[in-house]
Amino acid sequence: MIRAVVFDVGETLISETRIWSRWAERLGVSHFLLMGLLGGMAALDRPHGDAFRLVRPEFDLEAEDAAWERDDPGGLRNHFDADDLYPDVREALSALRVAGYQVIIAGNQPSRAYDALVAMELPADSVHTSEGWGVSKPEPGFFAKVAAVAGREPGEILYVGDRLDNDVLPAAAAGMRTALLRRGPWGYLHADRPEARAADVVADDLHALLPALERLT
């Protein structure tokens, strides 16, 4: 029986639209161009950093991050805040907790994202980041950490994310149940692939999870 629901962050709970828009402005290109390149990277299974390097071949993410912080120390830059939450997040997570499920947030995020997520006071039992753990998806160690903080057997956990490669397939390999969310470019593209059949649930929004869980358990 599933007792815990664990959520990815980017394009699962947080819309990255404003982040990518600010990146486009930082790079001096149109929002449309960068969004199109990101979609291409998603379709080709290439990392999103390759989109930056198509625009600027000499691009160095660490150096650009540092320069951007110097230029705009008080701005959001490539961060997020509560305005970036998808509108279904609070209600859906709250409904899961009311139904008796443990709710955990754990995604590939820098440590600073922990503070941003905690400040939102989301209806979750705990929040974790890959940098805080020292291991990232799709590494098996990440999903071992998920099971450890949940205090559950893997089969008692539903992991929810927008990607096959980082979320559904490695979580399933760890013995967890999985939900693929059709949200963001990776979510829509991956849901159309044959491998999406590996997911226990394919959902269009977070409100679909609770009814799906009732069917699964």
N, C-alpha and C. Protein backbone atom coordinates (compact mmCIF):
# COMPACT_ATOMS: atom_id res chain seq x y z
N MET A 1 0.84 -1.20 0.00
CA MET A 1 0.00 0.00 0.00
C MET A 1 0.88 1.25 0.00
N ILE A 2 0.53 2.22 -0.82
CA ILE A 2 1.29 3.47 -0.88
C ILE A 2 0.95 4.33 0.33
N ARG A 3 2.00 4.77 1.02
CA ARG A 3 1.80 5.57 2.22
C ARG A 3 2.46 6.95 2.13
N ALA A 4 3.34 7.13 1.16
CA ALA A 4 4.05 8.41 1.02
C ALA A 4 4.07 8.83 -0.45
N VAL A 5 3.90 10.12 -0.68
CA VAL A 5 3.96 10.68 -2.02
C VAL A 5 5.10 11.70 -2.02
N VAL A 6 6.04 11.50 -2.92
CA VAL A 6 7.25 12.34 -2.97
C VAL A 6 7.27 13.08 -4.29
N PHE A 7 7.52 14.39 -4.22
CA PHE A 7 7.42 15.25 -5.39
C PHE A 7 8.77 15.81 -5.82
N ASP A 8 9.03 15.71 -7.11
CA ASP A 8 10.06 16.49 -7.78
C ASP A 8 9.70 17.97 -7.63
N VAL A 9 10.59 18.86 -8.03
CA VAL A 9 10.35 20.30 -7.86
C VAL A 9 10.10 21.00 -9.19
N GLY A 10 11.14 21.12 -10.04
CA GLY A 10 11.02 21.87 -11.28
C GLY A 10 10.02 21.26 -12.24
N GLU A 11 9.06 22.04 -12.68
CA GLU A 11 7.99 21.65 -13.60
C GLU A 11 7.09 20.55 -13.02
N THR A 12 7.19 20.32 -11.72
CA THR A 12 6.23 19.48 -11.00
C THR A 12 5.47 20.36 -10.01
N LEU A 13 6.21 21.04 -9.16
CA LEU A 13 5.61 22.01 -8.24
C LEU A 13 5.84 23.45 -8.70
N ILE A 14 7.00 23.67 -9.29
CA ILE A 14 7.44 25.03 -9.67
C ILE A 14 7.44 25.18 -11.18
N SER A 15 6.75 26.20 -11.67
CA SER A 15 6.85 26.57 -13.08
C SER A 15 8.18 27.28 -13.31
N GLU A 16 8.91 26.84 -14.30
CA GLU A 16 10.21 27.45 -14.58
C GLU A 16 10.13 28.53 -15.66
N THR A 17 8.92 28.94 -16.01
CA THR A 17 8.74 29.91 -17.09
C THR A 17 9.48 31.21 -16.81
N ARG A 18 9.32 31.75 -15.61
CA ARG A 18 9.97 33.03 -15.30
C ARG A 18 11.48 32.88 -15.25
N ILE A 19 11.95 31.74 -14.76
CA ILE A 19 13.40 31.51 -14.70
C ILE A 19 13.99 31.53 -16.11
N TRP A 20 13.37 30.77 -17.03
CA TRP A 20 13.90 30.71 -18.40
C TRP A 20 13.75 32.06 -19.10
N SER A 21 12.70 32.80 -18.78
CA SER A 21 12.53 34.12 -19.38
C SER A 21 13.63 35.07 -18.93
N ARG A 22 13.98 34.99 -17.65
CA ARG A 22 15.08 35.85 -17.17
C ARG A 22 16.41 35.41 -17.77
N TRP A 23 16.58 34.09 -17.97
CA TRP A 23 17.80 33.63 -18.63
C TRP A 23 17.88 34.18 -20.06
N ALA A 24 16.77 34.18 -20.78
CA ALA A 24 16.77 34.70 -22.15
C ALA A 24 17.21 36.16 -22.15
N GLU A 25 16.66 36.93 -21.21
CA GLU A 25 17.04 38.35 -21.13
C GLU A 25 18.51 38.50 -20.77
N ARG A 26 18.99 37.64 -19.89
CA ARG A 26 20.40 37.69 -19.51
C ARG A 26 21.29 37.39 -20.71
N LEU A 27 20.87 36.43 -21.53
CA LEU A 27 21.66 36.04 -22.70
C LEU A 27 21.47 36.97 -23.89
N GLY A 28 20.48 37.87 -23.80
CA GLY A 28 20.24 38.82 -24.88
C GLY A 28 19.52 38.24 -26.07
N VAL A 29 18.67 37.22 -25.84
CA VAL A 29 17.89 36.63 -26.92
C VAL A 29 16.42 36.68 -26.55
N SER A 30 15.55 36.40 -27.51
CA SER A 30 14.12 36.43 -27.24
C SER A 30 13.71 35.24 -26.38
N HIS A 31 12.61 35.44 -25.64
CA HIS A 31 12.07 34.32 -24.86
C HIS A 31 11.74 33.16 -25.79
N PHE A 32 11.16 33.47 -26.94
CA PHE A 32 10.75 32.43 -27.89
C PHE A 32 11.94 31.58 -28.32
N LEU A 33 13.06 32.25 -28.60
CA LEU A 33 14.24 31.50 -29.06
C LEU A 33 14.72 30.54 -27.99
N LEU A 34 14.90 31.02 -26.77
CA LEU A 34 15.43 30.14 -25.74
C LEU A 34 14.45 29.02 -25.42
N MET A 35 13.16 29.34 -25.34
CA MET A 35 12.17 28.30 -25.06
C MET A 35 12.18 27.23 -26.16
N GLY A 36 12.32 27.67 -27.41
CA GLY A 36 12.38 26.71 -28.52
C GLY A 36 13.60 25.82 -28.42
N LEU A 37 14.75 26.39 -28.08
CA LEU A 37 15.96 25.60 -27.95
C LEU A 37 15.85 24.61 -26.79
N LEU A 38 15.23 25.04 -25.70
CA LEU A 38 15.04 24.13 -24.56
C LEU A 38 14.14 22.96 -24.95
N GLY A 39 13.09 23.25 -25.72
CA GLY A 39 12.23 22.18 -26.21
C GLY A 39 13.01 21.21 -27.08
N GLY A 40 13.91 21.74 -27.90
CA GLY A 40 14.74 20.88 -28.74
C GLY A 40 15.65 20.00 -27.92
N MET A 41 16.22 20.57 -26.85
CA MET A 41 17.09 19.76 -25.99
C MET A 41 16.29 18.65 -25.32
N ALA A 42 15.07 18.98 -24.90
CA ALA A 42 14.22 17.96 -24.28
C ALA A 42 13.91 16.83 -25.27
N ALA A 43 13.61 17.21 -26.51
CA ALA A 43 13.26 16.20 -27.52
C ALA A 43 14.46 15.33 -27.88
N LEU A 44 15.66 15.90 -27.79
CA LEU A 44 16.87 15.18 -28.17
C LEU A 44 17.58 14.52 -26.99
N ASP A 45 16.97 14.61 -25.80
CA ASP A 45 17.57 14.05 -24.59
C ASP A 45 18.93 14.65 -24.30
N ARG A 46 19.05 15.94 -24.57
CA ARG A 46 20.27 16.65 -24.25
C ARG A 46 20.04 17.54 -23.04
N PRO A 47 21.05 17.82 -22.24
CA PRO A 47 20.87 18.67 -21.05
C PRO A 47 20.52 20.09 -21.44
N HIS A 48 19.77 20.76 -20.56
CA HIS A 48 19.32 22.11 -20.90
C HIS A 48 20.48 23.08 -21.07
N GLY A 49 21.62 22.77 -20.44
CA GLY A 49 22.78 23.64 -20.60
C GLY A 49 23.25 23.74 -22.03
N ASP A 50 22.94 22.72 -22.84
CA ASP A 50 23.33 22.77 -24.25
C ASP A 50 22.59 23.88 -25.00
N ALA A 51 21.40 24.24 -24.54
CA ALA A 51 20.67 25.35 -25.16
C ALA A 51 21.44 26.65 -24.97
N PHE A 52 22.01 26.83 -23.78
CA PHE A 52 22.81 28.03 -23.53
C PHE A 52 24.02 28.08 -24.45
N ARG A 53 24.64 26.91 -24.62
CA ARG A 53 25.86 26.87 -25.43
C ARG A 53 25.58 27.03 -26.92
N LEU A 54 24.36 26.73 -27.36
CA LEU A 54 24.00 27.03 -28.75
C LEU A 54 23.91 28.53 -28.95
N VAL A 55 23.42 29.25 -27.94
CA VAL A 55 23.32 30.70 -28.02
C VAL A 55 24.69 31.34 -27.85
N ARG A 56 25.46 30.80 -26.90
CA ARG A 56 26.76 31.38 -26.58
C ARG A 56 27.75 30.23 -26.40
N PRO A 57 28.49 29.86 -27.46
CA PRO A 57 29.34 28.66 -27.42
C PRO A 57 30.32 28.62 -26.27
N GLU A 58 30.76 29.77 -25.80
CA GLU A 58 31.75 29.80 -24.72
C GLU A 58 31.09 29.81 -23.34
N PHE A 59 29.80 29.57 -23.27
CA PHE A 59 29.03 29.71 -22.04
C PHE A 59 29.60 28.83 -20.92
N ASP A 60 29.75 29.45 -19.74
CA ASP A 60 30.21 28.76 -18.53
C ASP A 60 29.19 29.07 -17.44
N LEU A 61 28.40 28.07 -17.05
CA LEU A 61 27.29 28.31 -16.12
C LEU A 61 27.76 28.87 -14.79
N GLU A 62 28.81 28.31 -14.23
CA GLU A 62 29.28 28.77 -12.93
C GLU A 62 29.75 30.22 -12.99
N ALA A 63 30.49 30.56 -14.04
CA ALA A 63 30.98 31.93 -14.18
C ALA A 63 29.83 32.89 -14.43
N GLU A 64 28.85 32.47 -15.24
CA GLU A 64 27.71 33.34 -15.53
C GLU A 64 26.84 33.56 -14.29
N ASP A 65 26.66 32.50 -13.50
CA ASP A 65 25.92 32.64 -12.25
C ASP A 65 26.57 33.68 -11.34
N ALA A 66 27.89 33.60 -11.22
CA ALA A 66 28.62 34.53 -10.35
C ALA A 66 28.52 35.96 -10.88
N ALA A 67 28.65 36.12 -12.20
CA ALA A 67 28.55 37.46 -12.79
C ALA A 67 27.14 38.02 -12.61
N TRP A 68 26.14 37.18 -12.79
CA TRP A 68 24.75 37.62 -12.66
C TRP A 68 24.45 38.05 -11.23
N GLU A 69 25.00 37.32 -10.26
CA GLU A 69 24.80 37.70 -8.86
C GLU A 69 25.45 39.04 -8.56
N ARG A 70 26.62 39.29 -9.14
CA ARG A 70 27.26 40.59 -8.94
C ARG A 70 26.44 41.70 -9.58
N ASP A 71 25.88 41.43 -10.75
CA ASP A 71 25.12 42.45 -11.47
C ASP A 71 23.76 42.72 -10.84
N ASP A 72 23.16 41.70 -10.24
CA ASP A 72 21.79 41.82 -9.72
C ASP A 72 21.67 41.08 -8.39
N PRO A 73 22.37 41.58 -7.35
CA PRO A 73 22.45 40.82 -6.09
C PRO A 73 21.10 40.65 -5.40
N GLY A 74 20.16 41.55 -5.61
CA GLY A 74 18.88 41.46 -4.93
C GLY A 74 17.78 40.82 -5.75
N GLY A 75 18.09 40.43 -6.98
CA GLY A 75 17.07 39.89 -7.87
C GLY A 75 16.90 38.38 -7.74
N LEU A 76 15.84 37.86 -8.36
CA LEU A 76 15.61 36.41 -8.32
C LEU A 76 16.59 35.65 -9.21
N ARG A 77 17.01 36.30 -10.30
CA ARG A 77 17.92 35.67 -11.25
C ARG A 77 17.41 34.27 -11.64
N ASN A 78 18.16 33.22 -11.35
CA ASN A 78 17.71 31.86 -11.68
C ASN A 78 17.13 31.14 -10.47
N HIS A 79 16.57 31.93 -9.54
CA HIS A 79 15.88 31.38 -8.38
C HIS A 79 14.38 31.36 -8.64
N PHE A 80 13.62 30.89 -7.66
CA PHE A 80 12.16 30.95 -7.74
C PHE A 80 11.60 31.36 -6.39
N ASP A 81 10.34 31.76 -6.39
CA ASP A 81 9.66 32.06 -5.14
C ASP A 81 8.21 31.58 -5.24
N ALA A 82 7.38 31.96 -4.30
CA ALA A 82 6.01 31.45 -4.24
C ALA A 82 5.19 31.81 -5.47
N ASP A 83 5.55 32.88 -6.16
CA ASP A 83 4.81 33.26 -7.38
C ASP A 83 5.01 32.26 -8.50
N ASP A 84 5.99 31.38 -8.37
CA ASP A 84 6.26 30.39 -9.41
C ASP A 84 5.57 29.04 -9.15
N LEU A 85 4.88 28.91 -8.05
CA LEU A 85 4.16 27.68 -7.77
C LEU A 85 3.04 27.47 -8.79
N TYR A 86 2.88 26.24 -9.25
CA TYR A 86 1.71 25.94 -10.07
C TYR A 86 0.46 26.07 -9.20
N PRO A 87 -0.65 26.51 -9.77
CA PRO A 87 -1.83 26.84 -8.96
C PRO A 87 -2.48 25.66 -8.25
N ASP A 88 -2.18 24.43 -8.66
CA ASP A 88 -2.81 23.28 -8.01
C ASP A 88 -2.01 22.73 -6.84
N VAL A 89 -0.83 23.29 -6.57
CA VAL A 89 0.10 22.65 -5.63
C VAL A 89 -0.45 22.61 -4.21
N ARG A 90 -0.80 23.76 -3.66
CA ARG A 90 -1.20 23.79 -2.25
C ARG A 90 -2.43 22.92 -1.99
N GLU A 91 -3.43 23.05 -2.83
CA GLU A 91 -4.66 22.30 -2.63
C GLU A 91 -4.43 20.80 -2.78
N ALA A 92 -3.67 20.41 -3.79
CA ALA A 92 -3.44 18.98 -4.03
C ALA A 92 -2.61 18.35 -2.92
N LEU A 93 -1.54 19.01 -2.49
CA LEU A 93 -0.71 18.47 -1.42
C LEU A 93 -1.49 18.40 -0.11
N SER A 94 -2.29 19.42 0.14
CA SER A 94 -3.12 19.41 1.35
C SER A 94 -4.11 18.26 1.34
N ALA A 95 -4.72 18.01 0.19
CA ALA A 95 -5.69 16.92 0.09
C ALA A 95 -5.03 15.57 0.35
N LEU A 96 -3.80 15.41 -0.13
CA LEU A 96 -3.09 14.15 0.11
C LEU A 96 -2.81 13.96 1.60
N ARG A 97 -2.44 15.02 2.28
CA ARG A 97 -2.16 14.91 3.72
C ARG A 97 -3.44 14.62 4.50
N VAL A 98 -4.52 15.28 4.12
CA VAL A 98 -5.80 15.02 4.78
C VAL A 98 -6.20 13.56 4.59
N ALA A 99 -5.89 13.01 3.43
CA ALA A 99 -6.22 11.60 3.14
C ALA A 99 -5.29 10.63 3.86
N GLY A 100 -4.29 11.15 4.56
CA GLY A 100 -3.43 10.30 5.36
C GLY A 100 -2.09 9.96 4.75
N TYR A 101 -1.77 10.55 3.61
CA TYR A 101 -0.48 10.27 2.98
C TYR A 101 0.61 11.18 3.52
N GLN A 102 1.80 10.65 3.68
CA GLN A 102 2.97 11.44 3.98
C GLN A 102 3.37 12.17 2.70
N VAL A 103 3.66 13.46 2.79
CA VAL A 103 4.01 14.27 1.62
C VAL A 103 5.43 14.80 1.79
N ILE A 104 6.27 14.50 0.82
CA ILE A 104 7.68 14.89 0.87
C ILE A 104 8.05 15.57 -0.44
N ILE A 105 8.88 16.59 -0.37
CA ILE A 105 9.41 17.27 -1.55
C ILE A 105 10.90 16.95 -1.65
N ALA A 106 11.32 16.40 -2.78
CA ALA A 106 12.73 16.04 -2.96
C ALA A 106 13.07 16.06 -4.44
N GLY A 107 13.88 17.02 -4.84
CA GLY A 107 14.22 17.15 -6.26
C GLY A 107 15.66 17.53 -6.47
N ASN A 108 16.06 17.57 -7.73
CA ASN A 108 17.40 18.02 -8.09
C ASN A 108 17.43 19.55 -8.02
N GLN A 109 17.88 20.05 -6.91
CA GLN A 109 17.89 21.49 -6.67
C GLN A 109 19.13 21.87 -5.86
N PRO A 110 19.61 23.11 -6.03
CA PRO A 110 20.69 23.59 -5.18
C PRO A 110 20.19 23.81 -3.76
N SER A 111 21.11 23.92 -2.82
CA SER A 111 20.72 24.08 -1.41
C SER A 111 19.86 25.31 -1.18
N ARG A 112 20.10 26.38 -1.94
CA ARG A 112 19.32 27.60 -1.72
C ARG A 112 17.83 27.39 -2.00
N ALA A 113 17.50 26.40 -2.83
CA ALA A 113 16.10 26.12 -3.11
C ALA A 113 15.38 25.62 -1.87
N TYR A 114 16.11 24.99 -0.96
CA TYR A 114 15.50 24.52 0.28
C TYR A 114 14.86 25.68 1.03
N ASP A 115 15.60 26.78 1.18
CA ASP A 115 15.07 27.94 1.90
C ASP A 115 13.84 28.51 1.20
N ALA A 116 13.89 28.57 -0.13
CA ALA A 116 12.76 29.10 -0.89
C ALA A 116 11.52 28.24 -0.70
N LEU A 117 11.68 26.93 -0.74
CA LEU A 117 10.55 26.02 -0.58
C LEU A 117 10.00 26.05 0.83
N VAL A 118 10.88 26.08 1.82
CA VAL A 118 10.43 26.13 3.21
C VAL A 118 9.67 27.42 3.48
N ALA A 119 10.14 28.53 2.90
CA ALA A 119 9.48 29.82 3.11
C ALA A 119 8.05 29.83 2.57
N MET A 120 7.74 28.96 1.63
CA MET A 120 6.39 28.91 1.06
C MET A 120 5.39 28.25 2.00
N GLU A 121 5.89 27.57 3.05
CA GLU A 121 5.03 26.90 4.02
C GLU A 121 4.03 25.97 3.31
N LEU A 122 4.56 25.13 2.47
CA LEU A 122 3.73 24.17 1.74
C LEU A 122 3.26 23.06 2.67
N PRO A 123 2.12 22.44 2.36
CA PRO A 123 1.63 21.33 3.18
C PRO A 123 2.42 20.06 2.90
N ALA A 124 3.65 20.03 3.40
CA ALA A 124 4.55 18.89 3.20
C ALA A 124 5.21 18.55 4.52
N ASP A 125 5.54 17.28 4.69
CA ASP A 125 6.17 16.83 5.93
C ASP A 125 7.65 17.16 5.97
N SER A 126 8.29 17.20 4.83
CA SER A 126 9.71 17.57 4.80
C SER A 126 10.11 17.98 3.39
N VAL A 127 11.20 18.73 3.31
CA VAL A 127 11.74 19.25 2.04
C VAL A 127 13.21 18.88 1.96
N HIS A 128 13.64 18.42 0.79
CA HIS A 128 15.04 17.99 0.61
C HIS A 128 15.52 18.38 -0.78
N THR A 129 16.82 18.62 -0.90
CA THR A 129 17.42 18.95 -2.19
C THR A 129 18.59 18.01 -2.47
N SER A 130 18.87 17.83 -3.74
CA SER A 130 19.98 16.95 -4.13
C SER A 130 21.31 17.48 -3.62
N GLU A 131 21.50 18.80 -3.66
CA GLU A 131 22.77 19.34 -3.18
C GLU A 131 22.90 19.13 -1.68
N GLY A 132 21.80 19.28 -0.96
CA GLY A 132 21.84 19.02 0.47
C GLY A 132 22.18 17.58 0.79
N TRP A 133 21.74 16.66 -0.06
CA TRP A 133 22.03 15.24 0.14
C TRP A 133 23.39 14.83 -0.42
N GLY A 134 23.90 15.61 -1.36
CA GLY A 134 25.17 15.24 -1.99
C GLY A 134 25.02 14.17 -3.05
N VAL A 135 23.80 13.97 -3.55
CA VAL A 135 23.56 12.98 -4.61
C VAL A 135 22.35 13.44 -5.41
N SER A 136 22.41 13.25 -6.73
CA SER A 136 21.38 13.77 -7.62
C SER A 136 20.68 12.65 -8.38
N LYS A 137 19.45 12.91 -8.80
CA LYS A 137 18.79 12.01 -9.75
C LYS A 137 19.54 12.03 -11.07
N PRO A 138 19.60 10.92 -11.75
CA PRO A 138 18.91 9.64 -11.53
C PRO A 138 19.71 8.61 -10.72
N GLU A 139 20.71 9.04 -9.95
CA GLU A 139 21.54 8.10 -9.21
C GLU A 139 20.69 7.30 -8.22
N PRO A 140 20.95 6.00 -8.09
CA PRO A 140 20.19 5.19 -7.12
C PRO A 140 20.28 5.73 -5.70
N GLY A 141 21.41 6.34 -5.37
CA GLY A 141 21.58 6.89 -4.03
C GLY A 141 20.56 7.94 -3.68
N PHE A 142 20.10 8.70 -4.69
CA PHE A 142 19.08 9.71 -4.43
C PHE A 142 17.80 9.04 -3.95
N PHE A 143 17.40 7.98 -4.62
CA PHE A 143 16.15 7.32 -4.27
C PHE A 143 16.27 6.52 -2.97
N ALA A 144 17.50 6.09 -2.66
CA ALA A 144 17.73 5.48 -1.35
C ALA A 144 17.52 6.52 -0.25
N LYS A 145 17.96 7.75 -0.50
CA LYS A 145 17.73 8.85 0.46
C LYS A 145 16.24 9.12 0.61
N VAL A 146 15.51 9.09 -0.50
CA VAL A 146 14.06 9.30 -0.44
C VAL A 146 13.41 8.29 0.49
N ALA A 147 13.74 7.02 0.30
CA ALA A 147 13.15 5.98 1.15
C ALA A 147 13.56 6.16 2.60
N ALA A 148 14.80 6.59 2.83
CA ALA A 148 15.29 6.75 4.20
C ALA A 148 14.56 7.87 4.92
N VAL A 149 14.40 9.03 4.26
CA VAL A 149 13.73 10.15 4.95
C VAL A 149 12.24 9.88 5.12
N ALA A 150 11.67 9.10 4.21
CA ALA A 150 10.26 8.74 4.36
C ALA A 150 10.08 7.70 5.45
N GLY A 151 11.12 6.90 5.72
CA GLY A 151 11.01 5.82 6.68
C GLY A 151 10.09 4.73 6.18
N ARG A 152 10.08 4.53 4.86
CA ARG A 152 9.18 3.56 4.20
C ARG A 152 9.96 2.59 3.34
N GLU A 153 9.33 1.47 3.07
CA GLU A 153 9.83 0.58 2.04
C GLU A 153 9.58 1.24 0.68
N PRO A 154 10.45 1.00 -0.31
CA PRO A 154 10.26 1.65 -1.61
C PRO A 154 8.87 1.44 -2.20
N GLY A 155 8.31 0.25 -2.05
CA GLY A 155 6.99 -0.03 -2.61
C GLY A 155 5.86 0.74 -1.96
N GLU A 156 6.14 1.41 -0.85
CA GLU A 156 5.12 2.23 -0.17
C GLU A 156 5.18 3.70 -0.61
N ILE A 157 6.05 3.99 -1.59
CA ILE A 157 6.28 5.37 -2.02
C ILE A 157 5.85 5.57 -3.47
N LEU A 158 5.14 6.65 -3.72
CA LEU A 158 4.85 7.09 -5.09
C LEU A 158 5.73 8.30 -5.36
N TYR A 159 6.61 8.20 -6.37
CA TYR A 159 7.45 9.35 -6.74
C TYR A 159 6.82 10.03 -7.95
N VAL A 160 6.65 11.34 -7.85
CA VAL A 160 5.95 12.13 -8.87
C VAL A 160 6.93 13.09 -9.53
N GLY A 161 7.04 13.03 -10.85
CA GLY A 161 7.92 13.94 -11.57
C GLY A 161 7.49 14.10 -13.01
N ASP A 162 8.20 14.97 -13.73
CA ASP A 162 7.82 15.30 -15.11
C ASP A 162 8.72 14.64 -16.15
N ARG A 163 9.65 13.76 -15.70
CA ARG A 163 10.58 13.17 -16.65
C ARG A 163 10.67 11.67 -16.45
N LEU A 164 10.88 10.98 -17.58
CA LEU A 164 11.14 9.54 -17.51
C LEU A 164 12.55 9.27 -17.01
N ASP A 165 13.54 9.97 -17.57
CA ASP A 165 14.94 9.66 -17.29
C ASP A 165 15.35 9.98 -15.86
N ASN A 166 14.86 11.08 -15.32
CA ASN A 166 15.28 11.50 -13.98
C ASN A 166 14.33 11.03 -12.89
N ASP A 167 13.09 10.74 -13.24
CA ASP A 167 12.06 10.48 -12.23
C ASP A 167 11.48 9.07 -12.32
N VAL A 168 10.72 8.82 -13.37
CA VAL A 168 9.94 7.57 -13.44
C VAL A 168 10.83 6.33 -13.49
N LEU A 169 11.76 6.28 -14.43
CA LEU A 169 12.53 5.06 -14.63
C LEU A 169 13.47 4.75 -13.45
N PRO A 170 14.23 5.73 -12.94
CA PRO A 170 15.09 5.39 -11.80
C PRO A 170 14.31 5.13 -10.52
N ALA A 171 13.18 5.82 -10.32
CA ALA A 171 12.37 5.54 -9.13
C ALA A 171 11.78 4.14 -9.20
N ALA A 172 11.32 3.75 -10.38
CA ALA A 172 10.78 2.39 -10.56
C ALA A 172 11.87 1.35 -10.35
N ALA A 173 13.08 1.65 -10.83
CA ALA A 173 14.20 0.71 -10.64
C ALA A 173 14.53 0.55 -9.16
N ALA A 174 14.23 1.60 -8.37
CA ALA A 174 14.46 1.54 -6.92
C ALA A 174 13.33 0.83 -6.20
N GLY A 175 12.30 0.41 -6.94
CA GLY A 175 11.19 -0.31 -6.34
C GLY A 175 10.00 0.53 -5.97
N MET A 176 10.03 1.81 -6.36
CA MET A 176 8.94 2.72 -6.03
C MET A 176 7.84 2.68 -7.09
N ARG A 177 6.65 3.11 -6.72
CA ARG A 177 5.60 3.37 -7.68
C ARG A 177 5.85 4.77 -8.25
N THR A 178 5.33 5.05 -9.43
CA THR A 178 5.68 6.31 -10.08
C THR A 178 4.49 6.97 -10.76
N ALA A 179 4.56 8.29 -10.83
CA ALA A 179 3.58 9.08 -11.57
C ALA A 179 4.32 10.05 -12.47
N LEU A 180 3.97 10.06 -13.74
CA LEU A 180 4.55 10.97 -14.72
C LEU A 180 3.57 12.11 -14.95
N LEU A 181 4.03 13.34 -14.71
CA LEU A 181 3.18 14.51 -14.83
C LEU A 181 3.39 15.16 -16.19
N ARG A 182 2.29 15.33 -16.94
CA ARG A 182 2.36 16.00 -18.24
C ARG A 182 2.39 17.51 -18.00
N ARG A 183 3.58 18.00 -17.67
CA ARG A 183 3.74 19.41 -17.34
C ARG A 183 5.15 19.82 -17.78
N GLY A 184 5.26 20.96 -18.44
CA GLY A 184 6.56 21.38 -18.94
C GLY A 184 6.95 20.59 -20.18
N PRO A 185 7.96 21.03 -20.91
CA PRO A 185 8.32 20.38 -22.18
C PRO A 185 8.72 18.92 -22.02
N TRP A 186 9.49 18.60 -20.99
CA TRP A 186 9.89 17.20 -20.79
C TRP A 186 8.65 16.35 -20.49
N GLY A 187 7.75 16.85 -19.68
CA GLY A 187 6.57 16.08 -19.31
C GLY A 187 5.72 15.70 -20.50
N TYR A 188 5.44 16.65 -21.37
CA TYR A 188 4.62 16.35 -22.54
C TYR A 188 5.34 15.42 -23.51
N LEU A 189 6.62 15.68 -23.75
CA LEU A 189 7.38 14.84 -24.67
C LEU A 189 7.53 13.41 -24.14
N HIS A 190 7.84 13.29 -22.87
CA HIS A 190 8.08 11.97 -22.30
C HIS A 190 6.79 11.16 -22.17
N ALA A 191 5.69 11.84 -21.91
CA ALA A 191 4.41 11.11 -21.80
C ALA A 191 4.00 10.50 -23.12
N ASP A 192 4.54 11.00 -24.23
CA ASP A 192 4.20 10.49 -25.55
C ASP A 192 5.09 9.32 -25.97
N ARG A 193 6.07 8.97 -25.13
CA ARG A 193 7.00 7.90 -25.48
C ARG A 193 6.48 6.55 -24.98
N PRO A 194 6.86 5.47 -25.66
CA PRO A 194 6.43 4.14 -25.21
C PRO A 194 6.84 3.84 -23.77
N GLU A 195 7.99 4.37 -23.35
CA GLU A 195 8.47 4.10 -21.99
C GLU A 195 7.55 4.66 -20.91
N ALA A 196 6.65 5.57 -21.30
CA ALA A 196 5.72 6.14 -20.32
C ALA A 196 4.82 5.07 -19.73
N ARG A 197 4.71 3.94 -20.41
CA ARG A 197 3.89 2.84 -19.88
C ARG A 197 4.48 2.28 -18.59
N ALA A 198 5.75 2.60 -18.33
CA ALA A 198 6.37 2.13 -17.09
C ALA A 198 5.81 2.86 -15.87
N ALA A 199 5.21 4.03 -16.07
CA ALA A 199 4.65 4.78 -14.96
C ALA A 199 3.34 4.14 -14.51
N ASP A 200 3.12 4.13 -13.21
CA ASP A 200 1.85 3.63 -12.68
C ASP A 200 0.71 4.60 -12.98
N VAL A 201 1.06 5.88 -13.07
CA VAL A 201 0.07 6.93 -13.32
C VAL A 201 0.67 7.92 -14.31
N VAL A 202 -0.11 8.36 -15.27
CA VAL A 202 0.24 9.52 -16.10
C VAL A 202 -0.86 10.55 -15.85
N ALA A 203 -0.47 11.71 -15.32
CA ALA A 203 -1.44 12.69 -14.85
C ALA A 203 -1.25 14.03 -15.55
N ASP A 204 -2.36 14.72 -15.76
CA ASP A 204 -2.32 16.06 -16.36
C ASP A 204 -2.14 17.15 -15.31
N ASP A 205 -2.46 16.85 -14.06
CA ASP A 205 -2.26 17.83 -12.99
C ASP A 205 -2.17 17.08 -11.67
N LEU A 206 -1.88 17.81 -10.61
CA LEU A 206 -1.69 17.16 -9.31
C LEU A 206 -3.00 16.72 -8.68
N HIS A 207 -4.10 17.32 -9.09
CA HIS A 207 -5.40 16.91 -8.56
C HIS A 207 -5.73 15.47 -8.95
N ALA A 208 -5.13 14.97 -10.02
CA ALA A 208 -5.42 13.61 -10.48
C ALA A 208 -4.75 12.56 -9.62
N LEU A 209 -3.84 12.94 -8.74
CA LEU A 209 -3.08 11.95 -7.99
C LEU A 209 -3.92 11.23 -6.96
N LEU A 210 -4.72 11.96 -6.21
CA LEU A 210 -5.49 11.31 -5.13
C LEU A 210 -6.45 10.26 -5.67
N PRO A 211 -7.25 10.54 -6.71
CA PRO A 211 -8.07 9.47 -7.28
C PRO A 211 -7.25 8.30 -7.81
N ALA A 212 -6.10 8.60 -8.40
CA ALA A 212 -5.23 7.53 -8.90
C ALA A 212 -4.71 6.67 -7.77
N LEU A 213 -4.35 7.29 -6.67
CA LEU A 213 -3.86 6.54 -5.52
C LEU A 213 -4.94 5.62 -4.96
N GLU A 214 -6.15 6.07 -4.96
CA GLU A 214 -7.25 5.23 -4.47
C GLU A 214 -7.42 4.00 -5.34
N ARG A 215 -7.13 4.14 -6.63
CA ARG A 215 -7.21 2.98 -7.52
C ARG A 215 -6.01 2.06 -7.33
N LEU A 216 -4.84 2.64 -7.08
CA LEU A 216 -3.63 1.84 -6.93
C LEU A 216 -3.62 1.04 -5.64
N THR A 217 -4.23 1.57 -4.59
CA THR A 217 -4.16 0.91 -3.29
C THR A 217 -5.42 0.12 -3.02
